[in-house]
Amino acid sequence: TSNFAENTATGSGGAVMVVNDFTGGIHDSMLTHNSAGASGGAVMVRGNFSGGLVGAQFDANQSGPGGHGGAMAVNGAFDGGITNSIFDSNISATGPGNGGALSVDGAFSNGITNSTFQNNKAGNEGLGGAVYLADTFSGGITGSQFEGNQALSGGAIYLHNGGIDNIGGQSLFDGNVATALNGRSSGAGGAIALNDGDLTISSAVFMRNKAVGEAGDPSS
């Protein structure tokens, strides 16, 4: 097991900064209380990330003003998915900080499985309290929990391009909030917000999610 705790960076990547591609993934590791002055409170990858997150735990990491990905930010594609991992109480700070826990600009593949995202928060006017995805998402969401996350739109997940092929395996979306800030009239998608695409739900529970003025659960 690897541990990265209480590291800081004035720029991006509080614990780890990768200028090019990151291969091999992050497995059986804990990243806690790391902070960055820009994006990627714990981890910043400017290229593609491959190998996925397996048994990883990101707790109480924070990105800086205007930065994205309170725990982790990837400018390229994210390949390998997220399995048996936890993101707890991560924050993308003030400014339009997207992805309270995770922000990915490229395509995301291999889905999210048996993982927990709880109490993560996107900054003022930020999208995706837990996860912000700028490009396509594939692999579905299975057996995962999204609880108590908060953003302007997509209290748990915001997907800008494309849809989610399936949410199943008794995944839970509970108590996520899309809330208006800085004079905005309303939040959108208490649990999930899709900018453009389709959503399929086969076996999941949505409860106590809230949006100020618009849909409390999925929105598109």
Protein backbone atom coordinates (compact mmCIF):
# COMPACT_ATOMS: atom_id res chain seq x y z
CA THR A 1 0.00 0.00 0.00
CA SER A 2 1.21 3.49 -0.88
CA ASN A 3 0.31 6.59 1.13
CA PHE A 4 0.37 10.22 0.01
CA ALA A 5 -0.63 12.60 2.81
CA GLU A 6 -0.50 16.34 3.45
CA ASN A 7 1.44 17.22 0.33
CA THR A 8 1.03 20.66 -1.24
CA ALA A 9 1.79 22.30 -4.58
CA THR A 10 1.46 25.94 -5.56
CA GLY A 11 0.52 24.76 -9.05
CA SER A 12 -1.31 21.56 -10.04
CA GLY A 13 -1.03 18.09 -8.48
CA GLY A 14 -0.67 18.36 -4.72
CA ALA A 15 0.99 14.94 -4.43
CA VAL A 16 1.59 13.81 -8.03
CA MET A 17 1.99 15.84 -11.22
CA VAL A 18 2.43 14.05 -14.58
CA VAL A 19 3.14 16.25 -17.59
CA ASN A 20 2.59 13.50 -20.19
CA ASP A 21 0.74 10.15 -19.98
CA PHE A 22 0.31 8.13 -16.75
CA THR A 23 0.31 4.36 -17.29
CA GLY A 24 -0.25 1.51 -14.82
CA GLY A 25 -3.00 3.11 -12.79
CA ILE A 26 -3.25 3.74 -9.05
CA HIS A 27 -3.88 0.61 -7.01
CA ASP A 28 -4.21 -0.02 -3.25
CA SER A 29 -3.21 3.52 -2.34
CA MET A 30 -4.38 6.24 0.04
CA LEU A 31 -4.20 9.92 -0.87
CA THR A 32 -5.34 12.18 1.96
CA HIS A 33 -5.27 15.89 2.84
CA ASN A 34 -3.29 16.90 -0.24
CA SER A 35 -3.82 20.32 -1.81
CA ALA A 36 -2.94 22.15 -5.01
CA GLY A 37 -3.00 25.81 -5.97
CA ALA A 38 -4.60 24.88 -9.29
CA SER A 39 -6.06 21.55 -10.56
CA GLY A 40 -5.75 18.05 -9.11
CA GLY A 41 -5.68 18.36 -5.33
CA ALA A 42 -3.84 15.03 -5.07
CA VAL A 43 -3.11 13.96 -8.67
CA MET A 44 -2.85 15.91 -11.92
CA VAL A 45 -2.31 14.18 -15.31
CA ARG A 46 -1.95 16.45 -18.33
CA GLY A 47 -1.94 13.56 -20.79
CA ASN A 48 -3.91 10.29 -20.77
CA PHE A 49 -4.40 8.11 -17.68
CA SER A 50 -4.51 4.32 -18.13
CA GLY A 51 -4.66 1.37 -15.75
CA GLY A 52 -7.57 2.66 -13.71
CA LEU A 53 -8.12 3.18 -10.01
CA VAL A 54 -8.39 -0.05 -8.00
CA GLY A 55 -8.65 -0.06 -4.23
CA ALA A 56 -7.71 3.61 -4.09
CA GLN A 57 -8.91 6.04 -1.43
CA PHE A 58 -8.95 9.82 -1.85
CA ASP A 59 -9.94 11.73 1.31
CA ALA A 60 -10.09 15.47 2.01
CA ASN A 61 -8.03 16.64 -0.95
CA GLN A 62 -8.55 20.10 -2.42
CA SER A 63 -7.77 21.91 -5.67
CA GLY A 64 -7.15 25.65 -5.77
CA PRO A 65 -9.12 28.67 -7.05
CA GLY A 66 -10.40 28.00 -10.56
CA GLY A 67 -8.83 24.52 -10.52
CA HIS A 68 -10.67 21.32 -11.34
CA GLY A 69 -10.68 17.89 -9.70
CA GLY A 70 -10.54 18.22 -5.93
CA ALA A 71 -8.85 14.82 -5.73
CA MET A 72 -7.75 14.10 -9.31
CA ALA A 73 -7.78 15.85 -12.67
CA VAL A 74 -7.00 14.32 -16.08
CA ASN A 75 -6.71 16.48 -19.18
CA GLY A 76 -6.71 13.51 -21.56
CA ALA A 77 -8.59 10.20 -21.62
CA PHE A 78 -9.19 8.02 -18.55
CA ASP A 79 -8.92 4.30 -19.35
CA GLY A 80 -9.36 1.42 -16.92
CA GLY A 81 -12.28 2.67 -14.89
CA ILE A 82 -12.71 2.94 -11.13
CA THR A 83 -13.13 -0.19 -9.00
CA ASN A 84 -13.43 -0.69 -5.23
CA SER A 85 -12.36 2.88 -4.55
CA ILE A 86 -13.50 5.68 -2.24
CA PHE A 87 -13.64 9.45 -2.73
CA ASP A 88 -14.63 11.21 0.50
CA SER A 89 -14.84 14.95 1.30
CA ASN A 90 -12.79 16.26 -1.60
CA ILE A 91 -13.31 19.85 -2.79
CA SER A 92 -12.64 21.78 -5.97
CA ALA A 93 -12.32 25.24 -4.49
CA THR A 94 -13.65 28.68 -5.44
CA GLY A 95 -14.26 29.70 -9.02
CA PRO A 96 -15.78 27.39 -11.64
CA GLY A 97 -14.02 24.35 -10.18
CA ASN A 98 -15.53 21.30 -11.86
CA GLY A 99 -15.44 17.82 -10.34
CA GLY A 100 -15.35 17.94 -6.56
CA ALA A 101 -13.58 14.58 -6.58
CA LEU A 102 -12.67 13.84 -10.21
CA SER A 103 -12.47 15.87 -13.42
CA VAL A 104 -11.73 14.24 -16.79
CA ASP A 105 -11.54 16.18 -20.06
CA GLY A 106 -11.14 13.17 -22.39
CA ALA A 107 -13.18 10.01 -22.87
CA PHE A 108 -13.77 7.84 -19.78
CA SER A 109 -13.89 4.06 -20.31
CA ASN A 110 -14.48 0.89 -18.27
CA GLY A 111 -17.01 2.44 -15.94
CA ILE A 112 -17.34 2.78 -12.18
CA THR A 113 -17.77 -0.40 -10.11
CA ASN A 114 -18.30 -1.00 -6.37
CA SER A 115 -17.03 2.46 -5.46
CA THR A 116 -18.17 5.23 -3.13
CA PHE A 117 -18.27 9.00 -3.69
CA GLN A 118 -19.47 10.86 -0.62
CA ASN A 119 -19.47 14.44 0.65
CA ASN A 120 -17.50 15.82 -2.29
CA LYS A 121 -18.14 19.39 -3.42
CA ALA A 122 -17.52 21.35 -6.60
CA GLY A 123 -16.61 25.01 -6.09
CA ASN A 124 -18.82 28.04 -6.73
CA GLU A 125 -20.52 27.55 -10.12
CA GLY A 126 -18.71 24.22 -10.47
CA LEU A 127 -20.25 21.23 -12.27
CA GLY A 128 -20.28 17.66 -10.96
CA GLY A 129 -20.11 17.49 -7.17
CA ALA A 130 -18.33 14.13 -7.34
CA VAL A 131 -17.47 13.61 -11.02
CA TYR A 132 -17.19 15.96 -14.00
CA LEU A 133 -16.74 14.38 -17.46
CA ALA A 134 -16.23 16.65 -20.45
CA ASP A 135 -16.28 13.84 -23.04
CA THR A 136 -17.96 10.44 -23.45
CA PHE A 137 -18.47 7.84 -20.70
CA SER A 138 -18.63 4.07 -21.27
CA GLY A 139 -18.80 1.00 -19.07
CA GLY A 140 -21.72 2.00 -16.88
CA ILE A 141 -22.02 2.44 -13.12
CA THR A 142 -22.46 -0.75 -11.08
CA GLY A 143 -22.86 -1.33 -7.35
CA SER A 144 -21.66 2.15 -6.43
CA GLN A 145 -22.81 4.84 -3.99
CA PHE A 146 -23.00 8.60 -4.52
CA GLU A 147 -24.08 10.30 -1.32
CA GLY A 148 -24.08 13.88 -0.07
CA ASN A 149 -22.22 15.44 -2.99
CA GLN A 150 -22.86 19.05 -4.09
CA ALA A 151 -22.46 21.25 -7.19
CA LEU A 152 -24.25 23.92 -9.20
CA SER A 153 -25.35 21.28 -11.75
CA GLY A 154 -25.07 17.53 -11.38
CA GLY A 155 -24.93 17.15 -7.62
CA ALA A 156 -23.17 13.82 -8.08
CA ILE A 157 -22.26 13.59 -11.80
CA TYR A 158 -22.12 16.06 -14.67
CA LEU A 159 -21.55 14.69 -18.18
CA HIS A 160 -21.02 17.28 -20.90
CA ASN A 161 -20.86 15.08 -24.01
CA GLY A 162 -22.84 11.86 -24.40
CA GLY A 163 -24.81 9.71 -21.99
CA ILE A 164 -24.45 6.90 -19.46
CA ASP A 165 -25.09 3.48 -20.97
CA ASN A 166 -26.31 1.90 -17.74
CA ILE A 167 -26.67 2.53 -14.02
CA GLY A 168 -27.29 -0.79 -12.29
CA GLY A 169 -26.19 -3.26 -9.65
CA GLN A 170 -28.29 -1.47 -7.04
CA SER A 171 -26.23 1.69 -7.27
CA LEU A 172 -27.38 4.38 -4.85
CA PHE A 173 -27.72 8.14 -5.33
CA ASP A 174 -28.75 9.64 -2.00
CA GLY A 175 -28.80 13.20 -0.72
CA ASN A 176 -26.90 14.86 -3.54
CA VAL A 177 -27.62 18.54 -4.15
CA ALA A 178 -27.48 20.92 -7.10
CA THR A 179 -27.66 24.35 -5.56
CA ALA A 180 -27.69 27.86 -6.99
CA LEU A 181 -24.78 30.12 -5.99
CA ASN A 182 -23.65 33.66 -6.76
CA GLY A 183 -27.04 34.88 -7.94
CA ARG A 184 -27.80 31.93 -10.23
CA SER A 185 -31.54 31.31 -10.40
CA SER A 186 -31.42 27.53 -10.02
CA GLY A 187 -29.36 24.38 -9.85
CA ALA A 188 -29.99 21.47 -12.20
CA GLY A 189 -29.91 17.71 -11.73
CA GLY A 190 -29.69 16.99 -8.01
CA ALA A 191 -28.12 13.61 -8.75
CA ILE A 192 -27.07 13.64 -12.43
CA ALA A 193 -26.99 16.26 -15.17
CA LEU A 194 -26.44 15.35 -18.82
CA ASN A 195 -25.76 18.17 -21.25
CA ASP A 196 -26.28 16.02 -24.35
CA GLY A 197 -27.01 12.30 -24.36
CA ASP A 198 -29.15 9.42 -23.11
CA LEU A 199 -29.35 7.80 -19.70
CA THR A 200 -30.30 4.17 -18.98
CA ILE A 201 -31.16 3.04 -15.44
CA SER A 202 -31.71 -0.68 -14.93
CA SER A 203 -31.36 -1.24 -11.19
CA ALA A 204 -30.61 1.71 -8.95
CA VAL A 205 -32.03 3.76 -6.09
CA PHE A 206 -32.42 7.55 -6.21
CA MET A 207 -33.54 9.18 -2.98
CA ARG A 208 -33.40 12.57 -1.24
CA ASN A 209 -31.56 14.26 -4.11
CA LYS A 210 -32.39 17.92 -4.54
CA ALA A 211 -32.08 20.65 -7.16
CA VAL A 212 -33.10 24.25 -6.52
CA GLY A 213 -35.69 25.03 -9.18
CA GLU A 214 -35.16 22.06 -11.52
CA ALA A 215 -35.08 18.25 -11.52
CA GLY A 216 -34.18 16.53 -8.28
CA ASP A 217 -32.84 13.37 -9.87
CA PRO A 218 -31.39 12.85 -13.39
CA SER A 219 -31.59 15.84 -15.71
CA SER A 220 -30.77 16.33 -19.37
